[in-house]
């Protein structure tokens, strides 16, 4: 997925905040609130794990797309976009995963 694809999808998700929940799946998710969105992200994560475990590459790609999509809905609901995640990944680029994890502040 290119940065452009993510930006276009983020714009659609943002527009769906104003859509009629009866005519838009995403608007319906937004209307149901954060808990419903988080439940959907969890369901998609589980389906992605099962697809990976079962070794079906086509299903894995489809389930991962569903997971990414619903994660983007979650971010948009929280006022964030894919740029926030891409910036964080860029910040971590070239840094050892062990070093990056050790440098994180413990939660308060």
PDB file of N, CA and C in Angstrom:
ATOM      1  N   UNK A   1       0.862  -1.176   0.000  1.00  0.00           N
ATOM      2  CA  UNK A   1       0.000   0.000   0.000  1.00  0.00           C
ATOM      3  C   UNK A   1       0.900   1.227   0.000  1.00  0.00           C
ATOM      4  N   UNK A   2       0.674   2.092  -0.928  1.00  0.00           N
ATOM      5  CA  UNK A   2       1.488   3.296  -1.019  1.00  0.00           C
ATOM      6  C   UNK A   2       0.981   4.356  -0.044  1.00  0.00           C
ATOM      7  N   UNK A   3       1.843   5.337   0.186  1.00  0.00           N
ATOM      8  CA  UNK A   3       1.424   6.459   1.025  1.00  0.00           C
ATOM      9  C   UNK A   3       0.185   7.123   0.433  1.00  0.00           C
ATOM     10  N   UNK A   4       0.129   7.212  -0.908  1.00  0.00           N
ATOM     11  CA  UNK A   4      -1.009   7.837  -1.575  1.00  0.00           C
ATOM     12  C   UNK A   4      -2.299   7.057  -1.308  1.00  0.00           C
ATOM     13  N   UNK A   5      -2.224   5.739  -1.372  1.00  0.00           N
ATOM     14  CA  UNK A   5      -3.387   4.909  -1.098  1.00  0.00           C
ATOM     15  C   UNK A   5      -3.875   5.136   0.332  1.00  0.00           C
ATOM     16  N   UNK A   6      -2.938   5.188   1.264  1.00  0.00           N
ATOM     17  CA  UNK A   6      -3.306   5.434   2.658  1.00  0.00           C
ATOM     18  C   UNK A   6      -3.947   6.802   2.829  1.00  0.00           C
ATOM     19  N   UNK A   7      -3.388   7.809   2.176  1.00  0.00           N
ATOM     20  CA  UNK A   7      -3.955   9.160   2.281  1.00  0.00           C
ATOM     21  C   UNK A   7      -5.369   9.205   1.693  1.00  0.00           C
ATOM     22  N   UNK A   8      -5.561   8.543   0.545  1.00  0.00           N
ATOM     23  CA  UNK A   8      -6.886   8.523  -0.072  1.00  0.00           C
ATOM     24  C   UNK A   8      -7.896   7.801   0.819  1.00  0.00           C
ATOM     25  N   UNK A   9      -7.497   6.669   1.364  1.00  0.00           N
ATOM     26  CA  UNK A   9      -8.390   5.926   2.251  1.00  0.00           C
ATOM     27  C   UNK A   9      -8.690   6.743   3.514  1.00  0.00           C
ATOM     28  N   UNK A  10      -7.679   7.406   4.065  1.00  0.00           N
ATOM     29  CA  UNK A  10      -7.888   8.238   5.252  1.00  0.00           C
ATOM     30  C   UNK A  10      -8.887   9.352   4.956  1.00  0.00           C
ATOM     31  N   UNK A  11      -8.819   9.932   3.768  1.00  0.00           N
ATOM     32  CA  UNK A  11      -9.760  10.991   3.393  1.00  0.00           C
ATOM     33  C   UNK A  11     -11.184  10.442   3.306  1.00  0.00           C
ATOM     34  N   UNK A  12     -11.339   9.247   2.750  1.00  0.00           N
ATOM     35  CA  UNK A  12     -12.662   8.625   2.674  1.00  0.00           C
ATOM     36  C   UNK A  12     -13.191   8.344   4.077  1.00  0.00           C
ATOM     37  N   UNK A  13     -12.343   7.809   4.941  1.00  0.00           N
ATOM     38  CA  UNK A  13     -12.767   7.502   6.308  1.00  0.00           C
ATOM     39  C   UNK A  13     -13.170   8.768   7.049  1.00  0.00           C
ATOM     40  N   UNK A  14     -12.451   9.842   6.805  1.00  0.00           N
ATOM     41  CA  UNK A  14     -12.788  11.123   7.437  1.00  0.00           C
ATOM     42  C   UNK A  14     -14.142  11.609   6.932  1.00  0.00           C
ATOM     43  N   UNK A  15     -14.382  11.495   5.640  1.00  0.00           N
ATOM     44  CA  UNK A  15     -15.654  11.924   5.054  1.00  0.00           C
ATOM     45  C   UNK A  15     -16.819  11.097   5.589  1.00  0.00           C
ATOM     46  N   UNK A  16     -16.576   9.841   5.873  1.00  0.00           N
ATOM     47  CA  UNK A  16     -17.643   8.960   6.360  1.00  0.00           C
ATOM     48  C   UNK A  16     -18.134   9.363   7.752  1.00  0.00           C
ATOM     49  N   UNK A  17     -17.360  10.188   8.453  1.00  0.00           N
ATOM     50  CA  UNK A  17     -17.811  10.668   9.762  1.00  0.00           C
ATOM     51  C   UNK A  17     -19.084  11.487   9.622  1.00  0.00           C
ATOM     52  N   UNK A  18     -19.292  12.086   8.445  1.00  0.00           N
ATOM     53  CA  UNK A  18     -20.467  12.916   8.197  1.00  0.00           C
ATOM     54  C   UNK A  18     -21.560  12.148   7.459  1.00  0.00           C
ATOM     55  N   UNK A  19     -21.310  10.895   7.106  1.00  0.00           N
ATOM     56  CA  UNK A  19     -22.264  10.123   6.305  1.00  0.00           C
ATOM     57  C   UNK A  19     -23.384   9.562   7.167  1.00  0.00           C
ATOM     58  N   UNK A  20     -24.433   9.178   6.496  1.00  0.00           N
ATOM     59  CA  UNK A  20     -25.589   8.563   7.140  1.00  0.00           C
ATOM     60  C   UNK A  20     -25.235   7.119   7.514  1.00  0.00           C
ATOM     61  N   UNK A  21     -25.356   6.750   8.786  1.00  0.00           N
ATOM     62  CA  UNK A  21     -25.046   5.387   9.202  1.00  0.00           C
ATOM     63  C   UNK A  21     -25.874   4.319   8.486  1.00  0.00           C
ATOM     64  N   UNK A  22     -27.016   4.704   7.943  1.00  0.00           N
ATOM     65  CA  UNK A  22     -27.835   3.739   7.210  1.00  0.00           C
ATOM     66  C   UNK A  22     -27.297   3.473   5.806  1.00  0.00           C
ATOM     67  N   UNK A  23     -26.394   4.344   5.337  1.00  0.00           N
ATOM     68  CA  UNK A  23     -25.884   4.190   3.974  1.00  0.00           C
ATOM     69  C   UNK A  23     -24.391   3.889   3.922  1.00  0.00           C
ATOM     70  N   UNK A  24     -23.722   3.848   5.078  1.00  0.00           N
ATOM     71  CA  UNK A  24     -22.273   3.647   5.099  1.00  0.00           C
ATOM     72  C   UNK A  24     -21.876   2.743   6.257  1.00  0.00           C
ATOM     73  N   UNK A  25     -21.164   1.675   5.933  1.00  0.00           N
ATOM     74  CA  UNK A  25     -20.663   0.757   6.961  1.00  0.00           C
ATOM     75  C   UNK A  25     -19.768   1.491   7.952  1.00  0.00           C
ATOM     76  N   UNK A  26     -18.857   2.316   7.440  1.00  0.00           N
ATOM     77  CA  UNK A  26     -17.925   3.033   8.316  1.00  0.00           C
ATOM     78  C   UNK A  26     -18.677   4.038   9.180  1.00  0.00           C
ATOM     79  N   UNK A  27     -19.637   4.750   8.601  1.00  0.00           N
ATOM     80  CA  UNK A  27     -20.439   5.695   9.393  1.00  0.00           C
ATOM     81  C   UNK A  27     -21.177   4.959  10.498  1.00  0.00           C
ATOM     82  N   UNK A  28     -21.637   3.754  10.200  1.00  0.00           N
ATOM     83  CA  UNK A  28     -22.327   2.948  11.218  1.00  0.00           C
ATOM     84  C   UNK A  28     -21.360   2.580  12.341  1.00  0.00           C
ATOM     85  N   UNK A  29     -20.133   2.221  11.987  1.00  0.00           N
ATOM     86  CA  UNK A  29     -19.133   1.918  13.023  1.00  0.00           C
ATOM     87  C   UNK A  29     -18.871   3.137  13.892  1.00  0.00           C
ATOM     88  N   UNK A  30     -18.662   4.299  13.242  1.00  0.00           N
ATOM     89  CA  UNK A  30     -18.440   5.526  14.007  1.00  0.00           C
ATOM     90  C   UNK A  30     -19.617   5.799  14.950  1.00  0.00           C
ATOM     91  N   UNK A  31     -20.828   5.615  14.451  1.00  0.00           N
ATOM     92  CA  UNK A  31     -22.019   5.891  15.260  1.00  0.00           C
ATOM     93  C   UNK A  31     -22.113   4.962  16.463  1.00  0.00           C
ATOM     94  N   UNK A  32     -21.645   3.731  16.300  1.00  0.00           N
ATOM     95  CA  UNK A  32     -21.686   2.768  17.408  1.00  0.00           C
ATOM     96  C   UNK A  32     -20.633   3.079  18.463  1.00  0.00           C
ATOM     97  N   UNK A  33     -19.593   3.818  18.081  1.00  0.00           N
ATOM     98  CA  UNK A  33     -18.600   4.254  19.050  1.00  0.00           C
ATOM     99  C   UNK A  33     -17.345   3.399  19.114  1.00  0.00           C
ATOM    100  N   UNK A  34     -16.451   3.835  19.980  1.00  0.00           N
ATOM    101  CA  UNK A  34     -15.126   3.235  20.073  1.00  0.00           C
ATOM    102  C   UNK A  34     -15.166   1.753  20.416  1.00  0.00           C
ATOM    103  N   UNK A  35     -16.010   1.363  21.342  1.00  0.00           N
ATOM    104  CA  UNK A  35     -16.044  -0.054  21.726  1.00  0.00           C
ATOM    105  C   UNK A  35     -16.366  -0.954  20.545  1.00  0.00           C
ATOM    106  N   UNK A  36     -17.307  -0.553  19.708  1.00  0.00           N
ATOM    107  CA  UNK A  36     -17.662  -1.354  18.532  1.00  0.00           C
ATOM    108  C   UNK A  36     -16.503  -1.415  17.549  1.00  0.00           C
ATOM    109  N   UNK A  37     -15.812  -0.300  17.382  1.00  0.00           N
ATOM    110  CA  UNK A  37     -14.664  -0.267  16.482  1.00  0.00           C
ATOM    111  C   UNK A  37     -13.558  -1.170  17.015  1.00  0.00           C
ATOM    112  N   UNK A  38     -13.284  -1.079  18.306  1.00  0.00           N
ATOM    113  CA  UNK A  38     -12.242  -1.920  18.910  1.00  0.00           C
ATOM    114  C   UNK A  38     -12.596  -3.400  18.821  1.00  0.00           C
ATOM    115  N   UNK A  39     -13.849  -3.716  19.000  1.00  0.00           N
ATOM    116  CA  UNK A  39     -14.290  -5.111  18.865  1.00  0.00           C
ATOM    117  C   UNK A  39     -14.011  -5.607  17.452  1.00  0.00           C
ATOM    118  N   UNK A  40     -14.289  -4.776  16.455  1.00  0.00           N
ATOM    119  CA  UNK A  40     -14.056  -5.166  15.064  1.00  0.00           C
ATOM    120  C   UNK A  40     -12.570  -5.334  14.784  1.00  0.00           C
ATOM    121  N   UNK A  41     -11.734  -4.455  15.325  1.00  0.00           N
ATOM    122  CA  UNK A  41     -10.283  -4.597  15.161  1.00  0.00           C
ATOM    123  C   UNK A  41      -9.825  -5.915  15.777  1.00  0.00           C
ATOM    124  N   UNK A  42     -10.334  -6.232  16.954  1.00  0.00           N
ATOM    125  CA  UNK A  42      -9.980  -7.493  17.607  1.00  0.00           C
ATOM    126  C   UNK A  42     -10.400  -8.702  16.790  1.00  0.00           C
ATOM    127  N   UNK A  43     -11.622  -8.662  16.245  1.00  0.00           N
ATOM    128  CA  UNK A  43     -12.103  -9.768  15.414  1.00  0.00           C
ATOM    129  C   UNK A  43     -11.216  -9.945  14.187  1.00  0.00           C
ATOM    130  N   UNK A  44     -10.878  -8.838  13.548  1.00  0.00           N
ATOM    131  CA  UNK A  44     -10.040  -8.913  12.346  1.00  0.00           C
ATOM    132  C   UNK A  44      -8.633  -9.390  12.683  1.00  0.00           C
ATOM    133  N   UNK A  45      -8.110  -8.988  13.839  1.00  0.00           N
ATOM    134  CA  UNK A  45      -6.787  -9.464  14.255  1.00  0.00           C
ATOM    135  C   UNK A  45      -6.809 -10.973  14.455  1.00  0.00           C
ATOM    136  N   UNK A  46      -7.852 -11.478  15.100  1.00  0.00           N
ATOM    137  CA  UNK A  46      -7.960 -12.922  15.311  1.00  0.00           C
ATOM    138  C   UNK A  46      -8.078 -13.661  13.988  1.00  0.00           C
ATOM    139  N   UNK A  47      -8.876 -13.140  13.066  1.00  0.00           N
ATOM    140  CA  UNK A  47      -9.028 -13.785  11.761  1.00  0.00           C
ATOM    141  C   UNK A  47      -7.713 -13.771  10.984  1.00  0.00           C
ATOM    142  N   UNK A  48      -6.937 -12.701  11.136  1.00  0.00           N
ATOM    143  CA  UNK A  48      -5.632 -12.623  10.479  1.00  0.00           C
ATOM    144  C   UNK A  48      -4.694 -13.675  11.042  1.00  0.00           C
ATOM    145  N   UNK A  49      -4.683 -13.830  12.354  1.00  0.00           N
ATOM    146  CA  UNK A  49      -3.829 -14.842  12.979  1.00  0.00           C
ATOM    147  C   UNK A  49      -4.210 -16.248  12.528  1.00  0.00           C
ATOM    148  N   UNK A  50      -5.494 -16.511  12.454  1.00  0.00           N
ATOM    149  CA  UNK A  50      -5.952 -17.836  12.021  1.00  0.00           C
ATOM    150  C   UNK A  50      -5.543 -18.089  10.575  1.00  0.00           C
ATOM    151  N   UNK A  51      -5.689 -17.090   9.718  1.00  0.00           N
ATOM    152  CA  UNK A  51      -5.293 -17.241   8.318  1.00  0.00           C
ATOM    153  C   UNK A  51      -3.796 -17.520   8.210  1.00  0.00           C
ATOM    154  N   UNK A  52      -2.998 -16.823   9.017  1.00  0.00           N
ATOM    155  CA  UNK A  52      -1.551 -17.060   8.999  1.00  0.00           C
ATOM    156  C   UNK A  52      -1.231 -18.473   9.473  1.00  0.00           C
ATOM    157  N   UNK A  53      -1.870 -18.886  10.528  1.00  0.00           N
ATOM    158  CA  UNK A  53      -1.645 -20.223  11.089  1.00  0.00           C
ATOM    159  C   UNK A  53      -2.037 -21.306  10.094  1.00  0.00           C
ATOM    160  N   UNK A  54      -3.110 -21.060   9.324  1.00  0.00           N
ATOM    161  CA  UNK A  54      -3.583 -22.057   8.369  1.00  0.00           C
ATOM    162  C   UNK A  54      -2.783 -22.073   7.072  1.00  0.00           C
ATOM    163  N   UNK A  55      -1.906 -21.084   6.884  1.00  0.00           N
ATOM    164  CA  UNK A  55      -1.003 -21.089   5.738  1.00  0.00           C
ATOM    165  C   UNK A  55      -1.645 -20.808   4.392  1.00  0.00           C
ATOM    166  N   UNK A  56      -2.758 -20.095   4.387  1.00  0.00           N
ATOM    167  CA  UNK A  56      -3.425 -19.748   3.132  1.00  0.00           C
ATOM    168  C   UNK A  56      -3.041 -18.316   2.767  1.00  0.00           C
ATOM    169  N   UNK A  57      -2.100 -18.137   1.836  1.00  0.00           N
ATOM    170  CA  UNK A  57      -1.604 -16.778   1.535  1.00  0.00           C
ATOM    171  C   UNK A  57      -2.689 -15.819   1.057  1.00  0.00           C
ATOM    172  N   UNK A  58      -3.601 -16.282   0.213  1.00  0.00           N
ATOM    173  CA  UNK A  58      -4.658 -15.385  -0.286  1.00  0.00           C
ATOM    174  C   UNK A  58      -5.576 -14.926   0.838  1.00  0.00           C
ATOM    175  N   UNK A  59      -5.954 -15.859   1.696  1.00  0.00           N
ATOM    176  CA  UNK A  59      -6.804 -15.499   2.831  1.00  0.00           C
ATOM    177  C   UNK A  59      -6.053 -14.585   3.787  1.00  0.00           C
ATOM    178  N   UNK A  60      -4.786 -14.845   3.990  1.00  0.00           N
ATOM    179  CA  UNK A  60      -3.973 -14.003   4.872  1.00  0.00           C
ATOM    180  C   UNK A  60      -3.935 -12.566   4.358  1.00  0.00           C
ATOM    181  N   UNK A  61      -3.775 -12.390   3.069  1.00  0.00           N
ATOM    182  CA  UNK A  61      -3.748 -11.039   2.502  1.00  0.00           C
ATOM    183  C   UNK A  61      -5.097 -10.356   2.690  1.00  0.00           C
ATOM    184  N   UNK A  62      -6.182 -11.078   2.423  1.00  0.00           N
ATOM    185  CA  UNK A  62      -7.518 -10.490   2.589  1.00  0.00           C
ATOM    186  C   UNK A  62      -7.794 -10.116   4.040  1.00  0.00           C
ATOM    187  N   UNK A  63      -7.443 -10.992   4.954  1.00  0.00           N
ATOM    188  CA  UNK A  63      -7.688 -10.704   6.374  1.00  0.00           C
ATOM    189  C   UNK A  63      -6.795  -9.571   6.867  1.00  0.00           C
ATOM    190  N   UNK A  64      -5.560  -9.515   6.376  1.00  0.00           N
ATOM    191  CA  UNK A  64      -4.678  -8.413   6.756  1.00  0.00           C
ATOM    192  C   UNK A  64      -5.221  -7.090   6.235  1.00  0.00           C
ATOM    193  N   UNK A  65      -5.776  -7.099   5.024  1.00  0.00           N
ATOM    194  CA  UNK A  65      -6.394  -5.884   4.483  1.00  0.00           C
ATOM    195  C   UNK A  65      -7.558  -5.450   5.372  1.00  0.00           C
ATOM    196  N   UNK A  66      -8.378  -6.413   5.810  1.00  0.00           N
ATOM    197  CA  UNK A  66      -9.482  -6.084   6.720  1.00  0.00           C
ATOM    198  C   UNK A  66      -8.955  -5.498   8.028  1.00  0.00           C
ATOM    199  N   UNK A  67      -7.889  -6.079   8.550  1.00  0.00           N
ATOM    200  CA  UNK A  67      -7.294  -5.594   9.800  1.00  0.00           C
ATOM    201  C   UNK A  67      -6.760  -4.181   9.628  1.00  0.00           C
ATOM    202  N   UNK A  68      -6.015  -3.959   8.565  1.00  0.00           N
ATOM    203  CA  UNK A  68      -5.476  -2.622   8.322  1.00  0.00           C
ATOM    204  C   UNK A  68      -6.607  -1.609   8.181  1.00  0.00           C
ATOM    205  N   UNK A  69      -7.641  -1.972   7.420  1.00  0.00           N
ATOM    206  CA  UNK A  69      -8.772  -1.076   7.201  1.00  0.00           C
ATOM    207  C   UNK A  69      -9.419  -0.685   8.528  1.00  0.00           C
ATOM    208  N   UNK A  70      -9.718  -1.674   9.343  1.00  0.00           N
ATOM    209  CA  UNK A  70     -10.395  -1.380  10.613  1.00  0.00           C
ATOM    210  C   UNK A  70      -9.473  -0.654  11.588  1.00  0.00           C
ATOM    211  N   UNK A  71      -8.187  -0.887  11.494  1.00  0.00           N
ATOM    212  CA  UNK A  71      -7.230  -0.134  12.308  1.00  0.00           C
ATOM    213  C   UNK A  71      -7.225   1.336  11.878  1.00  0.00           C
ATOM    214  N   UNK A  72      -7.328   1.579  10.574  1.00  0.00           N
ATOM    215  CA  UNK A  72      -7.413   2.957  10.098  1.00  0.00           C
ATOM    216  C   UNK A  72      -8.701   3.629  10.564  1.00  0.00           C
ATOM    217  N   UNK A  73      -9.799   2.877  10.619  1.00  0.00           N
ATOM    218  CA  UNK A  73     -11.048   3.410  11.162  1.00  0.00           C
ATOM    219  C   UNK A  73     -10.837   3.795  12.629  1.00  0.00           C
ATOM    220  N   UNK A  74     -10.171   2.929  13.377  1.00  0.00           N
ATOM    221  CA  UNK A  74      -9.896   3.197  14.788  1.00  0.00           C
ATOM    222  C   UNK A  74      -9.061   4.471  14.941  1.00  0.00           C
ATOM    223  N   UNK A  75      -8.011   4.591  14.139  1.00  0.00           N
ATOM    224  CA  UNK A  75      -7.177   5.784  14.210  1.00  0.00           C
ATOM    225  C   UNK A  75      -7.991   7.040  13.888  1.00  0.00           C
ATOM    226  N   UNK A  76      -8.791   6.974  12.822  1.00  0.00           N
ATOM    227  CA  UNK A  76      -9.590   8.129  12.419  1.00  0.00           C
ATOM    228  C   UNK A  76     -10.573   8.515  13.521  1.00  0.00           C
ATOM    229  N   UNK A  77     -11.161   7.524  14.145  1.00  0.00           N
ATOM    230  CA  UNK A  77     -12.098   7.799  15.239  1.00  0.00           C
ATOM    231  C   UNK A  77     -11.403   8.540  16.375  1.00  0.00           C
ATOM    232  N   UNK A  78     -10.110   8.269  16.540  1.00  0.00           N
ATOM    233  CA  UNK A  78      -9.338   8.901  17.610  1.00  0.00           C
ATOM    234  C   UNK A  78      -8.666  10.202  17.144  1.00  0.00           C
ATOM    235  N   UNK A  79      -9.012  10.647  15.929  1.00  0.00           N
ATOM    236  CA  UNK A  79      -8.450  11.900  15.419  1.00  0.00           C
ATOM    237  C   UNK A  79      -7.049  11.748  14.852  1.00  0.00           C
ATOM    238  N   UNK A  80      -6.666  10.522  14.532  1.00  0.00           N
ATOM    239  CA  UNK A  80      -5.339  10.261  13.975  1.00  0.00           C
ATOM    240  C   UNK A  80      -5.473   9.711  12.569  1.00  0.00           C
ATOM    241  N   UNK A  81      -4.400   9.806  11.823  1.00  0.00           N
ATOM    242  CA  UNK A  81      -4.377   9.243  10.482  1.00  0.00           C
ATOM    243  C   UNK A  81      -3.173   8.355  10.294  1.00  0.00           C
ATOM    244  N   UNK A  82      -3.056   7.774   9.132  1.00  0.00           N
ATOM    245  CA  UNK A  82      -1.933   6.883   8.879  1.00  0.00           C
ATOM    246  C   UNK A  82      -0.580   7.583   8.978  1.00  0.00           C
ATOM    247  N   UNK A  83      -0.557   8.896   8.758  1.00  0.00           N
ATOM    248  CA  UNK A  83       0.708   9.625   8.842  1.00  0.00           C
ATOM    249  C   UNK A  83       1.342   9.485  10.215  1.00  0.00           C
ATOM    250  N   UNK A  84       0.529   9.448  11.256  1.00  0.00           N
ATOM    251  CA  UNK A  84       1.057   9.322  12.617  1.00  0.00           C
ATOM    252  C   UNK A  84       1.819   8.007  12.770  1.00  0.00           C
ATOM    253  N   UNK A  85       1.260   6.938  12.227  1.00  0.00           N
ATOM    254  CA  UNK A  85       1.914   5.631  12.318  1.00  0.00           C
ATOM    255  C   UNK A  85       3.130   5.589  11.403  1.00  0.00           C
ATOM    256  N   UNK A  86       2.993   6.126  10.192  1.00  0.00           N
ATOM    257  CA  UNK A  86       4.128   6.141   9.270  1.00  0.00           C
ATOM    258  C   UNK A  86       5.289   6.958   9.839  1.00  0.00           C
ATOM    259  N   UNK A  87       4.971   8.068  10.488  1.00  0.00           N
ATOM    260  CA  UNK A  87       6.025   8.871  11.121  1.00  0.00           C
ATOM    261  C   UNK A  87       6.729   8.094  12.229  1.00  0.00           C
ATOM    262  N   UNK A  88       5.958   7.338  12.996  1.00  0.00           N
ATOM    263  CA  UNK A  88       6.556   6.533  14.063  1.00  0.00           C
ATOM    264  C   UNK A  88       7.446   5.431  13.488  1.00  0.00           C
ATOM    265  N   UNK A  89       6.987   4.804  12.422  1.00  0.00           N
ATOM    266  CA  UNK A  89       7.818   3.774  11.776  1.00  0.00           C
ATOM    267  C   UNK A  89       9.097   4.392  11.214  1.00  0.00           C
ATOM    268  N   UNK A  90       8.964   5.590  10.625  1.00  0.00           N
ATOM    269  CA  UNK A  90      10.153   6.285  10.106  1.00  0.00           C
ATOM    270  C   UNK A  90      11.118   6.616  11.237  1.00  0.00           C
ATOM    271  N   UNK A  91      10.574   7.040  12.373  1.00  0.00           N
ATOM    272  CA  UNK A  91      11.424   7.365  13.526  1.00  0.00           C
ATOM    273  C   UNK A  91      12.217   6.143  13.967  1.00  0.00           C
ATOM    274  N   UNK A  92      11.600   4.980  13.874  1.00  0.00           N
ATOM    275  CA  UNK A  92      12.249   3.746  14.310  1.00  0.00           C
ATOM    276  C   UNK A  92      13.200   3.158  13.278  1.00  0.00           C
ATOM    277  N   UNK A  93      13.101   3.618  12.033  1.00  0.00           N
ATOM    278  CA  UNK A  93      13.925   3.050  10.965  1.00  0.00           C
ATOM    279  C   UNK A  93      15.404   3.173  11.310  1.00  0.00           C
ATOM    280  N   UNK A  94      16.113   2.090  11.137  1.00  0.00           N
ATOM    281  CA  UNK A  94      17.545   2.084  11.393  1.00  0.00           C
ATOM    282  C   UNK A  94      17.914   1.933  12.856  1.00  0.00           C
ATOM    283  N   UNK A  95      16.906   1.764  13.713  1.00  0.00           N
ATOM    284  CA  UNK A  95      17.166   1.585  15.137  1.00  0.00           C
ATOM    285  C   UNK A  95      16.903   0.128  15.479  1.00  0.00           C
ATOM    286  N   UNK A  96      17.809  -0.463  16.199  1.00  0.00           N
ATOM    287  CA  UNK A  96      17.620  -1.844  16.635  1.00  0.00           C
ATOM    288  C   UNK A  96      16.319  -1.959  17.395  1.00  0.00           C
ATOM    289  N   UNK A  97      15.554  -3.012  17.104  1.00  0.00           N
ATOM    290  CA  UNK A  97      14.302  -3.236  17.811  1.00  0.00           C
ATOM    291  C   UNK A  97      14.505  -3.361  19.308  1.00  0.00           C
ATOM    292  N   UNK A  98      15.597  -3.998  19.704  1.00  0.00           N
ATOM    293  CA  UNK A  98      15.882  -4.142  21.135  1.00  0.00           C
ATOM    294  C   UNK A  98      16.202  -2.790  21.766  1.00  0.00           C
ATOM    295  N   UNK A  99      16.998  -1.981  21.050  1.00  0.00           N
ATOM    296  CA  UNK A  99      17.357  -0.660  21.572  1.00  0.00           C
ATOM    297  C   UNK A  99      16.124   0.238  21.636  1.00  0.00           C
ATOM    298  N   UNK A 100      15.285   0.181  20.607  1.00  0.00           N
ATOM    299  CA  UNK A 100      14.085   1.014  20.577  1.00  0.00           C
ATOM    300  C   UNK A 100      13.158   0.654  21.723  1.00  0.00           C
ATOM    301  N   UNK A 101      12.996  -0.621  21.952  1.00  0.00           N
ATOM    302  CA  UNK A 101      12.099  -1.060  23.029  1.00  0.00           C
ATOM    303  C   UNK A 101      12.659  -0.652  24.396  1.00  0.00           C
ATOM    304  N   UNK A 102      13.964  -0.766  24.576  1.00  0.00           N
ATOM    305  CA  UNK A 102      14.590  -0.403  25.852  1.00  0.00           C
ATOM    306  C   UNK A 102      14.482   1.097  26.118  1.00  0.00           C
ATOM    307  N   UNK A 103      14.419   1.904  25.053  1.00  0.00           N
ATOM    308  CA  UNK A 103      14.367   3.354  25.216  1.00  0.00           C
ATOM    309  C   UNK A 103      12.958   3.869  25.519  1.00  0.00           C
ATOM    310  N   UNK A 104      11.945   3.028  25.366  1.00  0.00           N
ATOM    311  CA  UNK A 104      10.582   3.458  25.659  1.00  0.00           C
ATOM    312  C   UNK A 104      10.419   3.733  27.140  1.00  0.00           C
ATOM    313  N   UNK A 105       9.652   4.762  27.422  1.00  0.00           N
ATOM    314  CA  UNK A 105       9.356   5.075  28.813  1.00  0.00           C
ATOM    315  C   UNK A 105       8.331   4.107  29.344  1.00  0.00           C
ATOM    316  N   UNK A 106       8.508   3.646  30.574  1.00  0.00           N
ATOM    317  CA  UNK A 106       7.481   2.782  31.154  1.00  0.00           C
ATOM    318  C   UNK A 106       6.190   3.572  31.364  1.00  0.00           C
ATOM    319  N   UNK A 107       5.035   2.897  31.245  1.00  0.00           N
ATOM    320  CA  UNK A 107       3.767   3.613  31.445  1.00  0.00           C
ATOM    321  C   UNK A 107       3.667   4.146  32.878  1.00  0.00           C
ATOM    322  N   UNK A 108       3.016   5.305  33.004  1.00  0.00           N
ATOM    323  CA  UNK A 108       2.846   5.924  34.335  1.00  0.00           C
ATOM    324  C   UNK A 108       1.805   5.211  35.124  1.00  0.00           C
TER     325      UNK A 108
END
